[in-house]
Amino acid sequence: MASEDSLPVLKILVIGPSGAGKSSLLLRYCDDQFDPESSTATIGIDFKTKKLAVHGKGYRLNIFDTAGQERYRTLSTSYYRGAHGVIVVYDISNRKSFLSLDRWIEEARSNASENAVIYLVGTKLDKVAPGGTRAVSLEEAKAFAASQEAGYCEVSAKTRTNIKQPFVDVVGEIVQRPQLLSGELAKRTASSPLDLNAGGSQASSSYCSC
């Protein structure tokens, strides 16, 4: 893989309702960690960087984990600027979580880059297999994703199941949209990926590579 400084920078947001498992997804993907005792909600924005190779080409992902609580929504909207991809997360064992997706997708499309990739992720797959009760069927979730022209997969941060798939799929789709990688959009994203205090939100950051 090329040196870090020469890698194209892609900005990815992870959004969705509070308690959906956004932080667990990011922590498992970047740090290969899972804390079953952790129930602390993200305050403002969390941030991690990850190197990823897709089709033999390396990319540096700046991944923003946004708070799902309503009181932080206005702080999070500024982070959509320059986003190449948005991963919308919900809990497959919680139907209310699924029913909130329309609002989250609408917000993403209103604030993210034009033609930004939208991708849906159902979390907590371990809770429904084997023998668990699903609040949202796989067929219903796939149909909804298709209606939104979005990719879809289900993951478990606890068991690592499919944990890399959303990020690989999103990057794979981004690189098929050259308009996302050209001109001032790419320059802005590369030049200010660490502006974590915009809008007055709180944030933390860490670096990890695959």
Protein backbone atom coordinates (compact mmCIF):
# COMPACT_ATOMS: atom_id res chain seq x y z
CA MET A 1 0.00 0.00 0.00
CA ALA A 2 1.20 3.52 -0.75
CA SER A 3 2.50 5.81 1.97
CA GLU A 4 -0.14 7.35 4.20
CA ASP A 5 0.39 10.89 2.93
CA SER A 6 -0.21 9.86 -0.69
CA LEU A 7 -3.44 7.95 -0.09
CA PRO A 8 -6.71 9.48 -1.29
CA VAL A 9 -8.78 10.64 1.69
CA LEU A 10 -12.42 9.55 1.97
CA LYS A 11 -14.78 10.99 4.55
CA ILE A 12 -17.30 8.47 5.92
CA LEU A 13 -20.06 9.26 8.41
CA VAL A 14 -21.72 6.68 10.66
CA ILE A 15 -25.17 7.89 11.70
CA GLY A 16 -28.36 6.50 13.19
CA PRO A 17 -30.48 6.49 16.35
CA SER A 18 -28.96 6.36 19.82
CA GLY A 19 -28.29 2.80 20.97
CA ALA A 20 -28.14 1.35 17.47
CA GLY A 21 -24.53 0.21 17.89
CA LYS A 22 -22.66 2.81 15.83
CA SER A 23 -19.73 3.13 18.24
CA SER A 24 -19.47 -0.65 18.68
CA LEU A 25 -19.32 -1.09 14.91
CA LEU A 26 -16.55 1.48 14.59
CA LEU A 27 -14.57 0.21 17.57
CA ARG A 28 -14.64 -3.37 16.29
CA TYR A 29 -13.74 -2.36 12.74
CA CYS A 30 -10.87 -0.04 13.64
CA ASP A 31 -9.50 -1.49 16.88
CA ASP A 32 -10.93 -5.04 16.86
CA GLN A 33 -12.36 -4.41 20.31
CA PHE A 34 -15.77 -5.06 21.82
CA ASP A 35 -16.84 -3.87 25.25
CA PRO A 36 -20.09 -5.61 26.32
CA GLU A 37 -20.24 -3.48 29.46
CA SER A 38 -20.09 -0.17 27.64
CA SER A 39 -23.41 1.66 27.35
CA THR A 40 -22.07 5.21 27.23
CA ALA A 41 -23.62 7.18 24.39
CA THR A 42 -21.37 9.18 22.08
CA ILE A 43 -21.32 12.88 22.96
CA GLY A 44 -21.05 15.01 19.84
CA ILE A 45 -18.59 13.33 17.46
CA ASP A 46 -16.07 10.51 17.74
CA PHE A 47 -13.41 10.16 15.04
CA LYS A 48 -11.11 7.42 13.78
CA THR A 49 -8.84 6.96 10.77
CA LYS A 50 -8.49 3.65 8.95
CA LYS A 51 -6.44 2.57 5.96
CA LEU A 52 -8.28 0.27 3.56
CA ALA A 53 -7.38 -1.31 0.22
CA VAL A 54 -10.14 -1.94 -2.31
CA HIS A 55 -9.41 -3.52 -5.71
CA GLY A 56 -5.70 -3.19 -4.98
CA LYS A 57 -5.78 0.55 -4.31
CA GLY A 58 -5.27 2.10 -0.87
CA TYR A 59 -7.46 4.76 0.75
CA ARG A 60 -7.42 6.60 4.05
CA LEU A 61 -10.84 6.69 5.66
CA ASN A 62 -11.73 9.51 8.02
CA ILE A 63 -14.68 7.99 9.87
CA PHE A 64 -16.96 10.15 12.00
CA ASP A 65 -19.27 8.50 14.55
CA THR A 66 -22.08 10.96 15.23
CA ALA A 67 -24.27 11.14 18.33
CA GLY A 68 -27.77 9.81 17.88
CA GLN A 69 -29.40 11.83 20.68
CA GLU A 70 -31.72 14.57 19.48
CA ARG A 71 -29.95 17.30 21.45
CA TYR A 72 -26.76 16.76 19.44
CA ARG A 73 -28.39 16.62 15.99
CA THR A 74 -27.74 20.29 15.20
CA LEU A 75 -24.09 19.86 16.15
CA SER A 76 -23.69 16.92 13.81
CA THR A 77 -25.03 18.46 10.62
CA SER A 78 -21.85 20.44 9.91
CA TYR A 79 -19.93 17.17 9.69
CA TYR A 80 -21.87 16.11 6.60
CA ARG A 81 -19.95 18.67 4.56
CA GLY A 82 -17.64 16.91 2.13
CA ALA A 83 -18.76 13.40 3.10
CA HIS A 84 -18.23 10.80 0.38
CA GLY A 85 -20.27 8.10 2.11
CA VAL A 86 -22.85 7.80 4.88
CA ILE A 87 -23.44 4.53 6.76
CA VAL A 88 -26.89 4.56 8.38
CA VAL A 89 -27.07 2.14 11.32
CA TYR A 90 -30.07 0.59 13.05
CA ASP A 91 -30.64 -2.25 15.53
CA ILE A 92 -32.32 -5.28 13.91
CA SER A 93 -33.73 -6.31 17.30
CA ASN A 94 -35.48 -2.94 17.75
CA ARG A 95 -38.26 -2.03 15.31
CA LYS A 96 -38.40 1.58 16.47
CA SER A 97 -34.77 1.88 15.44
CA PHE A 98 -35.65 0.63 11.94
CA LEU A 99 -38.67 2.92 11.62
CA SER A 100 -36.45 5.96 12.24
CA LEU A 101 -34.35 5.32 9.14
CA ASP A 102 -36.43 7.50 6.80
CA ARG A 103 -35.58 10.55 8.87
CA TRP A 104 -31.87 9.73 9.05
CA ILE A 105 -31.61 9.08 5.31
CA GLU A 106 -33.44 12.31 4.53
CA GLU A 107 -31.03 14.20 6.77
CA ALA A 108 -28.04 12.56 5.08
CA ARG A 109 -29.25 13.41 1.60
CA SER A 110 -30.00 16.98 2.62
CA ASN A 111 -26.57 17.63 4.16
CA ALA A 112 -23.97 15.29 2.61
CA SER A 113 -22.18 15.72 -0.70
CA GLU A 114 -24.22 15.40 -3.86
CA ASN A 115 -24.12 11.77 -5.00
CA ALA A 116 -22.69 10.63 -1.66
CA VAL A 117 -23.02 6.88 -1.14
CA ILE A 118 -25.78 5.86 1.29
CA TYR A 119 -25.45 2.42 2.89
CA LEU A 120 -27.67 0.75 5.51
CA VAL A 121 -26.37 -1.53 8.26
CA GLY A 122 -28.42 -3.68 10.60
CA THR A 123 -26.48 -4.31 13.82
CA LYS A 124 -26.65 -6.81 16.70
CA LEU A 125 -27.04 -9.84 14.46
CA ASP A 126 -25.83 -11.98 17.35
CA LYS A 127 -29.04 -11.17 19.24
CA VAL A 128 -31.27 -12.94 16.74
CA ALA A 129 -29.24 -16.05 15.97
CA PRO A 130 -29.67 -18.78 16.82
CA GLY A 131 -33.24 -18.82 18.06
CA GLY A 132 -33.60 -15.09 18.70
CA THR A 133 -36.56 -12.99 17.62
CA ARG A 134 -36.02 -10.47 14.86
CA ALA A 135 -37.86 -7.16 15.01
CA VAL A 136 -37.12 -6.58 11.32
CA SER A 137 -36.93 -9.38 8.77
CA LEU A 138 -34.01 -9.59 6.37
CA GLU A 139 -36.42 -9.40 3.45
CA GLU A 140 -38.06 -6.21 4.76
CA ALA A 141 -34.70 -4.58 5.42
CA LYS A 142 -33.36 -5.45 1.97
CA ALA A 143 -36.53 -4.18 0.32
CA PHE A 144 -36.28 -0.89 2.19
CA ALA A 145 -32.62 -0.49 1.24
CA ALA A 146 -33.46 -1.18 -2.40
CA SER A 147 -36.22 1.44 -2.29
CA GLN A 148 -33.60 3.93 -1.11
CA GLU A 149 -31.07 2.79 -3.73
CA ALA A 150 -28.73 1.93 -0.87
CA GLY A 151 -26.53 -1.04 -0.11
CA TYR A 152 -27.32 -3.25 2.86
CA CYS A 153 -25.75 -5.77 5.20
CA GLU A 154 -26.16 -7.07 8.74
CA VAL A 155 -23.30 -7.21 11.24
CA SER A 156 -22.38 -8.19 14.75
CA ALA A 157 -19.70 -6.24 16.58
CA LYS A 158 -19.74 -8.92 19.27
CA THR A 159 -18.90 -11.82 16.94
CA ARG A 160 -17.12 -9.77 14.20
CA THR A 161 -19.65 -11.05 11.63
CA ASN A 162 -19.47 -8.98 8.41
CA ILE A 163 -17.76 -6.17 10.32
CA LYS A 164 -15.61 -5.04 7.35
CA GLN A 165 -18.28 -5.41 4.69
CA PRO A 166 -20.01 -2.01 5.05
CA PHE A 167 -16.74 -0.12 4.71
CA VAL A 168 -15.45 -2.19 1.80
CA ASP A 169 -18.79 -1.88 0.00
CA VAL A 170 -19.03 1.87 0.59
CA VAL A 171 -15.49 2.55 -0.64
CA GLY A 172 -16.09 0.27 -3.62
CA GLU A 173 -19.15 2.33 -4.54
CA ILE A 174 -17.45 5.68 -3.92
CA VAL A 175 -14.67 4.90 -6.39
CA GLN A 176 -17.32 4.19 -9.02
CA ARG A 177 -18.48 7.82 -8.66
CA PRO A 178 -15.53 9.91 -9.89
CA GLN A 179 -17.45 13.14 -9.32
CA LEU A 180 -17.05 12.51 -5.59
CA LEU A 181 -13.28 12.34 -5.87
CA SER A 182 -12.59 15.33 -8.07
CA GLY A 183 -12.28 19.08 -7.81
CA GLU A 184 -12.80 21.18 -4.72
CA LEU A 185 -14.73 18.47 -2.89
CA ALA A 186 -11.70 16.22 -2.64
CA LYS A 187 -9.44 19.17 -1.76
CA ARG A 188 -11.69 20.30 1.10
CA THR A 189 -11.99 16.81 2.51
CA ALA A 190 -8.25 16.18 2.39
CA SER A 191 -7.26 19.57 3.78
CA SER A 192 -9.52 19.64 6.85
CA PRO A 193 -10.30 16.11 8.03
CA LEU A 194 -9.41 16.86 11.65
CA ASP A 195 -11.54 19.94 12.25
CA LEU A 196 -13.29 18.25 15.15
CA ASN A 197 -14.48 21.34 16.96
CA ALA A 198 -16.71 22.77 14.25
CA GLY A 199 -20.12 23.63 15.60
CA GLY A 200 -18.92 23.39 19.18
CA SER A 201 -19.27 19.62 19.47
CA GLN A 202 -17.10 17.40 21.57
CA ALA A 203 -14.95 14.80 19.87
CA SER A 204 -12.23 12.24 20.36
CA SER A 205 -9.94 10.70 17.80
CA SER A 206 -7.66 7.74 17.26
CA TYR A 207 -5.75 6.11 14.42
CA CYS A 208 -5.82 2.51 13.31
CA SER A 209 -4.77 0.63 10.18
CA CYS A 210 -5.65 -2.73 8.76
